[in-house]
């Protein structure tokens, strides 16, 4: 599982930009997201088909996920109170 203190393997050694206009947000592959969320890749594909998962971007034939989209999606899944489903009080 990826930790916040440890960069994803594909980001190690990648030079970081120093100006805001040239900085690109890191992307996660579907396999990396699967590992991070501890759910099967098949579940992520099923969530896409049903509109339940985080938004993705196509890079060629591959799906990639902006970290900010994953964080926003996770925040929306958070309970407002213990035991309450998201969107319900």
N, C-alpha and C. Protein backbone atom coordinates (compact mmCIF):
# COMPACT_ATOMS: atom_id res chain seq x y z
N UNK A 1 0.85 -1.18 0.00
CA UNK A 1 0.00 0.00 0.00
C UNK A 1 0.89 1.24 0.00
N UNK A 2 0.53 2.25 -0.75
CA UNK A 2 1.30 3.49 -0.81
C UNK A 2 1.08 4.30 0.46
N UNK A 3 2.13 4.90 0.97
CA UNK A 3 1.98 5.79 2.11
C UNK A 3 2.22 7.21 1.63
N UNK A 4 1.73 8.15 2.38
CA UNK A 4 1.87 9.55 1.97
C UNK A 4 3.33 10.00 2.01
N UNK A 5 4.13 9.40 2.89
CA UNK A 5 5.52 9.81 3.03
C UNK A 5 6.39 9.21 1.92
N UNK A 6 5.91 8.18 1.26
CA UNK A 6 6.69 7.48 0.26
C UNK A 6 6.09 7.72 -1.12
N UNK A 7 6.85 8.29 -2.06
CA UNK A 7 6.30 8.55 -3.39
C UNK A 7 6.06 7.24 -4.14
N UNK A 8 5.11 7.27 -5.06
CA UNK A 8 4.84 6.11 -5.90
C UNK A 8 6.09 5.77 -6.69
N UNK A 9 6.28 4.49 -6.98
CA UNK A 9 7.49 4.02 -7.65
C UNK A 9 7.73 4.75 -8.96
N UNK A 10 6.67 5.06 -9.70
CA UNK A 10 6.87 5.72 -11.00
C UNK A 10 7.26 7.19 -10.86
N UNK A 11 7.18 7.73 -9.64
CA UNK A 11 7.54 9.13 -9.43
C UNK A 11 8.96 9.29 -8.89
N UNK A 12 9.56 8.19 -8.42
CA UNK A 12 10.92 8.27 -7.88
C UNK A 12 11.88 8.64 -9.00
N UNK A 13 12.72 9.58 -8.77
CA UNK A 13 13.70 10.02 -9.75
C UNK A 13 13.16 11.03 -10.74
N UNK A 14 11.89 11.34 -10.69
CA UNK A 14 11.28 12.31 -11.60
C UNK A 14 11.64 13.70 -11.11
N UNK A 15 12.17 14.53 -11.99
CA UNK A 15 12.52 15.89 -11.61
C UNK A 15 11.25 16.68 -11.34
N UNK A 16 11.30 17.51 -10.33
CA UNK A 16 10.15 18.35 -10.02
C UNK A 16 10.36 19.74 -10.60
N UNK A 17 9.30 20.33 -11.10
CA UNK A 17 9.38 21.67 -11.68
C UNK A 17 9.41 22.70 -10.56
N UNK A 18 10.02 23.83 -10.85
CA UNK A 18 10.13 24.87 -9.82
C UNK A 18 9.11 25.98 -10.01
N UNK A 19 8.48 26.06 -11.17
CA UNK A 19 7.48 27.10 -11.38
C UNK A 19 6.09 26.48 -11.38
N UNK A 20 5.14 27.21 -10.86
CA UNK A 20 3.77 26.71 -10.76
C UNK A 20 3.18 26.40 -12.13
N UNK A 21 3.51 27.19 -13.14
CA UNK A 21 2.92 26.99 -14.46
C UNK A 21 3.43 25.73 -15.15
N UNK A 22 4.60 25.23 -14.77
CA UNK A 22 5.12 24.03 -15.42
C UNK A 22 5.00 22.79 -14.54
N UNK A 23 4.40 22.90 -13.40
CA UNK A 23 4.26 21.78 -12.47
C UNK A 23 3.08 20.91 -12.89
N UNK A 24 3.31 19.62 -13.01
CA UNK A 24 2.26 18.68 -13.35
C UNK A 24 1.88 17.87 -12.11
N UNK A 25 0.60 17.64 -11.97
CA UNK A 25 0.12 16.84 -10.85
C UNK A 25 0.41 15.37 -11.12
N UNK A 26 0.89 14.65 -10.12
CA UNK A 26 1.15 13.22 -10.31
C UNK A 26 -0.12 12.44 -10.63
N UNK A 27 0.05 11.38 -11.38
CA UNK A 27 -1.05 10.50 -11.75
C UNK A 27 -0.82 9.12 -11.16
N UNK A 28 -1.91 8.43 -10.84
CA UNK A 28 -1.85 7.04 -10.39
C UNK A 28 -2.39 6.14 -11.49
N UNK A 29 -1.77 5.00 -11.67
CA UNK A 29 -2.32 3.99 -12.57
C UNK A 29 -3.47 3.30 -11.85
N UNK A 30 -4.26 2.55 -12.59
CA UNK A 30 -5.37 1.84 -11.96
C UNK A 30 -4.84 0.78 -10.99
N UNK A 31 -3.69 0.21 -11.30
CA UNK A 31 -3.08 -0.77 -10.39
C UNK A 31 -2.61 -0.12 -9.10
N UNK A 32 -2.03 1.08 -9.20
CA UNK A 32 -1.59 1.80 -8.00
C UNK A 32 -2.79 2.22 -7.16
N UNK A 33 -3.86 2.67 -7.81
CA UNK A 33 -5.06 3.06 -7.06
C UNK A 33 -5.68 1.84 -6.40
N UNK A 34 -5.70 0.72 -7.10
CA UNK A 34 -6.21 -0.53 -6.53
C UNK A 34 -5.45 -0.90 -5.26
N UNK A 35 -4.13 -0.79 -5.33
CA UNK A 35 -3.30 -1.11 -4.17
C UNK A 35 -3.54 -0.12 -3.03
N UNK A 36 -3.61 1.17 -3.37
CA UNK A 36 -3.82 2.21 -2.36
C UNK A 36 -5.15 2.03 -1.63
N UNK A 37 -6.21 1.74 -2.39
CA UNK A 37 -7.54 1.58 -1.80
C UNK A 37 -7.78 0.18 -1.25
N UNK A 38 -6.88 -0.75 -1.59
CA UNK A 38 -7.00 -2.15 -1.19
C UNK A 38 -8.30 -2.76 -1.72
N UNK A 39 -8.58 -2.48 -2.99
CA UNK A 39 -9.72 -3.07 -3.69
C UNK A 39 -9.19 -3.65 -5.01
N UNK A 40 -9.83 -4.69 -5.52
CA UNK A 40 -9.38 -5.26 -6.80
C UNK A 40 -9.52 -4.27 -7.96
N UNK A 41 -8.65 -4.41 -8.95
CA UNK A 41 -8.73 -3.59 -10.16
C UNK A 41 -10.11 -3.74 -10.79
N UNK A 42 -10.64 -4.95 -10.79
CA UNK A 42 -11.96 -5.21 -11.37
C UNK A 42 -13.03 -4.34 -10.70
N UNK A 43 -12.92 -4.14 -9.39
CA UNK A 43 -13.87 -3.28 -8.67
C UNK A 43 -13.79 -1.85 -9.18
N UNK A 44 -12.58 -1.36 -9.44
CA UNK A 44 -12.44 0.00 -9.97
C UNK A 44 -13.09 0.12 -11.34
N UNK A 45 -12.93 -0.89 -12.19
CA UNK A 45 -13.59 -0.87 -13.50
C UNK A 45 -15.12 -0.91 -13.32
N UNK A 46 -15.61 -1.73 -12.39
CA UNK A 46 -17.05 -1.79 -12.13
C UNK A 46 -17.58 -0.46 -11.62
N UNK A 47 -16.83 0.18 -10.72
CA UNK A 47 -17.24 1.50 -10.21
C UNK A 47 -17.30 2.51 -11.34
N UNK A 48 -16.37 2.44 -12.30
CA UNK A 48 -16.40 3.36 -13.45
C UNK A 48 -17.67 3.17 -14.26
N UNK A 49 -18.01 1.90 -14.52
CA UNK A 49 -19.20 1.62 -15.32
C UNK A 49 -20.48 2.09 -14.63
N UNK A 50 -20.52 2.03 -13.31
CA UNK A 50 -21.71 2.44 -12.57
C UNK A 50 -21.66 3.90 -12.12
N UNK A 51 -20.56 4.61 -12.42
CA UNK A 51 -20.45 6.02 -12.05
C UNK A 51 -20.15 6.25 -10.58
N UNK A 52 -19.63 5.25 -9.88
CA UNK A 52 -19.40 5.37 -8.44
C UNK A 52 -17.97 5.72 -8.06
N UNK A 53 -17.02 5.50 -8.94
CA UNK A 53 -15.61 5.69 -8.60
C UNK A 53 -15.11 7.08 -8.91
N UNK A 54 -13.83 7.31 -8.62
CA UNK A 54 -13.23 8.61 -8.94
C UNK A 54 -13.10 8.81 -10.45
N UNK A 55 -13.07 10.04 -10.88
CA UNK A 55 -12.89 10.36 -12.30
C UNK A 55 -11.47 9.97 -12.72
N UNK A 56 -11.36 9.56 -13.98
CA UNK A 56 -10.05 9.16 -14.53
C UNK A 56 -9.80 9.93 -15.81
N UNK A 57 -8.58 9.84 -16.28
CA UNK A 57 -8.20 10.44 -17.55
C UNK A 57 -7.56 9.34 -18.39
N UNK A 58 -7.86 9.34 -19.68
CA UNK A 58 -7.24 8.38 -20.59
C UNK A 58 -5.92 8.95 -21.08
N UNK A 59 -4.87 8.18 -20.93
CA UNK A 59 -3.56 8.51 -21.48
C UNK A 59 -3.26 7.38 -22.46
N UNK A 60 -3.51 7.66 -23.72
CA UNK A 60 -3.46 6.57 -24.70
C UNK A 60 -4.59 5.60 -24.39
N UNK A 61 -4.25 4.36 -24.21
CA UNK A 61 -5.26 3.34 -23.89
C UNK A 61 -5.32 3.06 -22.39
N UNK A 62 -4.53 3.77 -21.61
CA UNK A 62 -4.44 3.52 -20.17
C UNK A 62 -5.28 4.54 -19.39
N UNK A 63 -5.81 4.10 -18.25
CA UNK A 63 -6.50 5.00 -17.33
C UNK A 63 -5.50 5.50 -16.30
N UNK A 64 -5.59 6.77 -16.00
CA UNK A 64 -4.78 7.37 -14.95
C UNK A 64 -5.70 8.23 -14.08
N UNK A 65 -5.32 8.38 -12.84
CA UNK A 65 -6.13 9.13 -11.88
C UNK A 65 -5.30 10.27 -11.30
N UNK A 66 -5.82 11.49 -11.38
CA UNK A 66 -5.18 12.61 -10.70
C UNK A 66 -5.36 12.39 -9.20
N UNK A 67 -4.30 12.61 -8.46
CA UNK A 67 -4.36 12.42 -7.01
C UNK A 67 -5.43 13.31 -6.40
N UNK A 68 -5.57 14.53 -6.90
CA UNK A 68 -6.59 15.45 -6.36
C UNK A 68 -8.00 14.91 -6.60
N UNK A 69 -8.24 14.24 -7.74
CA UNK A 69 -9.55 13.65 -7.99
C UNK A 69 -9.83 12.51 -7.02
N UNK A 70 -8.82 11.71 -6.74
CA UNK A 70 -8.97 10.60 -5.79
C UNK A 70 -9.25 11.16 -4.39
N UNK A 71 -8.50 12.20 -4.00
CA UNK A 71 -8.71 12.80 -2.69
C UNK A 71 -10.11 13.39 -2.57
N UNK A 72 -10.58 14.07 -3.61
CA UNK A 72 -11.93 14.64 -3.59
C UNK A 72 -13.00 13.57 -3.52
N UNK A 73 -12.80 12.49 -4.28
CA UNK A 73 -13.75 11.38 -4.27
C UNK A 73 -13.78 10.73 -2.88
N UNK A 74 -12.61 10.52 -2.29
CA UNK A 74 -12.56 9.94 -0.95
C UNK A 74 -13.25 10.83 0.08
N UNK A 75 -13.04 12.14 -0.02
CA UNK A 75 -13.70 13.07 0.90
C UNK A 75 -15.22 12.97 0.78
N UNK A 76 -15.71 12.78 -0.44
CA UNK A 76 -17.16 12.65 -0.65
C UNK A 76 -17.70 11.33 -0.09
N UNK A 77 -16.84 10.33 0.07
CA UNK A 77 -17.26 9.04 0.61
C UNK A 77 -17.27 9.02 2.13
N UNK A 78 -16.68 10.04 2.73
CA UNK A 78 -16.53 10.08 4.18
C UNK A 78 -17.88 10.25 4.87
N UNK A 79 -18.05 9.55 5.96
CA UNK A 79 -19.27 9.67 6.76
C UNK A 79 -19.36 11.05 7.39
N UNK A 80 -20.55 11.63 7.43
CA UNK A 80 -20.71 12.91 8.12
C UNK A 80 -20.76 12.69 9.63
N UNK A 81 -21.24 11.53 10.03
CA UNK A 81 -21.27 11.09 11.42
C UNK A 81 -21.00 9.59 11.40
N UNK A 82 -20.43 9.05 12.47
CA UNK A 82 -20.17 7.61 12.49
C UNK A 82 -21.44 6.80 12.22
N UNK A 83 -21.35 5.90 11.26
CA UNK A 83 -22.48 5.04 10.94
C UNK A 83 -23.44 5.61 9.91
N UNK A 84 -23.26 6.87 9.49
CA UNK A 84 -24.15 7.50 8.52
C UNK A 84 -23.51 7.40 7.14
N UNK A 85 -24.31 7.01 6.15
CA UNK A 85 -23.82 6.96 4.78
C UNK A 85 -23.56 8.37 4.27
N UNK A 86 -22.62 8.53 3.35
CA UNK A 86 -22.36 9.87 2.79
C UNK A 86 -23.63 10.50 2.21
N UNK A 87 -23.80 11.79 2.44
CA UNK A 87 -24.96 12.50 1.90
C UNK A 87 -26.21 12.40 2.77
N UNK A 88 -26.10 11.69 3.87
CA UNK A 88 -27.25 11.56 4.77
C UNK A 88 -26.87 12.09 6.15
N UNK A 89 -27.80 12.73 6.84
CA UNK A 89 -27.51 13.29 8.17
C UNK A 89 -27.86 12.34 9.26
